[in-house]
Amino acid sequence: AIILDMSMPQLDGLETARILKRLMPTVPLIMFTNFAKDQLLKRGVLWAGIRQVVSKSDSLELVKALEGAFAA
């Protein structure tokens, strides 16, 4: 699994996800961000191939998302 953030130095998380999905289509992508409740982000996430969006304020949810990614 790969954990991304929306705010990264060179590319944002959505652009990075699109590239990673082309290169490694079977690797689960998880967005761990402060913008988890943003509706525009949620639409872009599905298009980019991100499996789940998790708020940085909920680290337990990140653990659950990772467990789910490895259980699949």
C-alpha atoms as a PDB file:
ATOM      1  CA  ALA A   1       0.000   0.000   0.000  1.00  0.00           C
ATOM      2  CA  ILE A   2       1.067   3.578  -0.621  1.00  0.00           C
ATOM      3  CA  ILE A   3      -0.085   6.457   1.577  1.00  0.00           C
ATOM      4  CA  LEU A   4      -0.350   9.845  -0.112  1.00  0.00           C
ATOM      5  CA  ASP A   5      -1.162  13.368   1.015  1.00  0.00           C
ATOM      6  CA  MET A   6      -2.818  16.114  -1.020  1.00  0.00           C
ATOM      7  CA  SER A   7      -0.042  18.572  -0.196  1.00  0.00           C
ATOM      8  CA  MET A   8       3.298  17.273  -1.405  1.00  0.00           C
ATOM      9  CA  PRO A   9       6.340  19.222  -2.670  1.00  0.00           C
ATOM     10  CA  GLN A  10       6.344  18.404  -6.411  1.00  0.00           C
ATOM     11  CA  LEU A  11       2.963  16.895  -7.362  1.00  0.00           C
ATOM     12  CA  ASP A  12      -0.290  16.856  -5.447  1.00  0.00           C
ATOM     13  CA  GLY A  13      -1.647  13.551  -4.179  1.00  0.00           C
ATOM     14  CA  LEU A  14      -4.191  13.129  -6.977  1.00  0.00           C
ATOM     15  CA  GLU A  15      -1.652  13.571  -9.765  1.00  0.00           C
ATOM     16  CA  THR A  16       0.752  11.247  -7.979  1.00  0.00           C
ATOM     17  CA  ALA A  17      -2.022   8.657  -7.595  1.00  0.00           C
ATOM     18  CA  ARG A  18      -2.821   8.749 -11.320  1.00  0.00           C
ATOM     19  CA  ILE A  19       0.835   8.109 -12.159  1.00  0.00           C
ATOM     20  CA  LEU A  20       1.173   5.334  -9.585  1.00  0.00           C
ATOM     21  CA  LYS A  21      -2.014   3.610 -10.816  1.00  0.00           C
ATOM     22  CA  ARG A  22      -0.579   3.489 -14.337  1.00  0.00           C
ATOM     23  CA  LEU A  23       2.733   2.084 -13.107  1.00  0.00           C
ATOM     24  CA  MET A  24       1.412  -0.232 -10.369  1.00  0.00           C
ATOM     25  CA  PRO A  25      -2.315  -0.829 -10.898  1.00  0.00           C
ATOM     26  CA  THR A  26      -2.662  -3.478  -8.172  1.00  0.00           C
ATOM     27  CA  VAL A  27      -1.057  -1.485  -5.346  1.00  0.00           C
ATOM     28  CA  PRO A  28      -3.691   0.030  -3.006  1.00  0.00           C
ATOM     29  CA  LEU A  29      -3.489   3.817  -2.614  1.00  0.00           C
ATOM     30  CA  ILE A  30      -4.720   5.620   0.500  1.00  0.00           C
ATOM     31  CA  MET A  31      -5.034   9.394   0.833  1.00  0.00           C
ATOM     32  CA  PHE A  32      -4.128  10.595   4.359  1.00  0.00           C
ATOM     33  CA  THR A  33      -4.974  14.284   4.402  1.00  0.00           C
ATOM     34  CA  ASN A  34      -6.384  17.238   6.288  1.00  0.00           C
ATOM     35  CA  PHE A  35      -8.814  17.708   3.385  1.00  0.00           C
ATOM     36  CA  ALA A  36     -10.681  14.390   3.831  1.00  0.00           C
ATOM     37  CA  LYS A  37     -14.106  16.068   4.015  1.00  0.00           C
ATOM     38  CA  ASP A  38     -13.646  18.134   0.850  1.00  0.00           C
ATOM     39  CA  GLN A  39     -16.311  17.016  -1.668  1.00  0.00           C
ATOM     40  CA  LEU A  40     -14.250  18.030  -4.701  1.00  0.00           C
ATOM     41  CA  LEU A  41     -11.374  15.922  -3.411  1.00  0.00           C
ATOM     42  CA  LYS A  42     -13.660  12.910  -2.955  1.00  0.00           C
ATOM     43  CA  ARG A  43     -14.704  13.062  -6.623  1.00  0.00           C
ATOM     44  CA  GLY A  44     -11.105  13.299  -7.804  1.00  0.00           C
ATOM     45  CA  VAL A  45     -10.026  10.480  -5.529  1.00  0.00           C
ATOM     46  CA  LEU A  46     -12.187   7.880  -7.253  1.00  0.00           C
ATOM     47  CA  TRP A  47     -11.009   9.012 -10.671  1.00  0.00           C
ATOM     48  CA  ALA A  48      -7.364   8.815  -9.561  1.00  0.00           C
ATOM     49  CA  GLY A  49      -7.729   5.247  -8.276  1.00  0.00           C
ATOM     50  CA  ILE A  50      -7.341   5.974  -4.580  1.00  0.00           C
ATOM     51  CA  ARG A  51      -8.992   3.286  -2.464  1.00  0.00           C
ATOM     52  CA  GLN A  52      -9.789   5.376   0.614  1.00  0.00           C
ATOM     53  CA  VAL A  53      -9.477   8.905   2.022  1.00  0.00           C
ATOM     54  CA  VAL A  54      -8.567   9.174   5.706  1.00  0.00           C
ATOM     55  CA  SER A  55      -8.417  12.321   7.815  1.00  0.00           C
ATOM     56  CA  LYS A  56      -5.099  13.078   9.491  1.00  0.00           C
ATOM     57  CA  SER A  57      -7.054  13.632  12.683  1.00  0.00           C
ATOM     58  CA  ASP A  58      -8.049   9.929  12.707  1.00  0.00           C
ATOM     59  CA  SER A  59      -4.890   7.805  12.775  1.00  0.00           C
ATOM     60  CA  LEU A  60      -6.857   4.751  13.936  1.00  0.00           C
ATOM     61  CA  GLU A  61      -8.833   4.932  10.684  1.00  0.00           C
ATOM     62  CA  LEU A  62      -5.519   4.905   8.795  1.00  0.00           C
ATOM     63  CA  VAL A  63      -4.575   1.662  10.547  1.00  0.00           C
ATOM     64  CA  LYS A  64      -7.961   0.190   9.574  1.00  0.00           C
ATOM     65  CA  ALA A  65      -7.507   1.303   5.971  1.00  0.00           C
ATOM     66  CA  LEU A  66      -4.098  -0.363   5.835  1.00  0.00           C
ATOM     67  CA  GLU A  67      -5.452  -3.553   7.381  1.00  0.00           C
ATOM     68  CA  GLY A  68      -8.216  -3.565   4.781  1.00  0.00           C
ATOM     69  CA  ALA A  69      -5.721  -3.015   1.968  1.00  0.00           C
ATOM     70  CA  PHE A  70      -3.646  -6.003   3.023  1.00  0.00           C
ATOM     71  CA  ALA A  71      -6.667  -8.207   3.686  1.00  0.00           C
ATOM     72  CA  ALA A  72      -7.921  -7.791   0.103  1.00  0.00           C
END
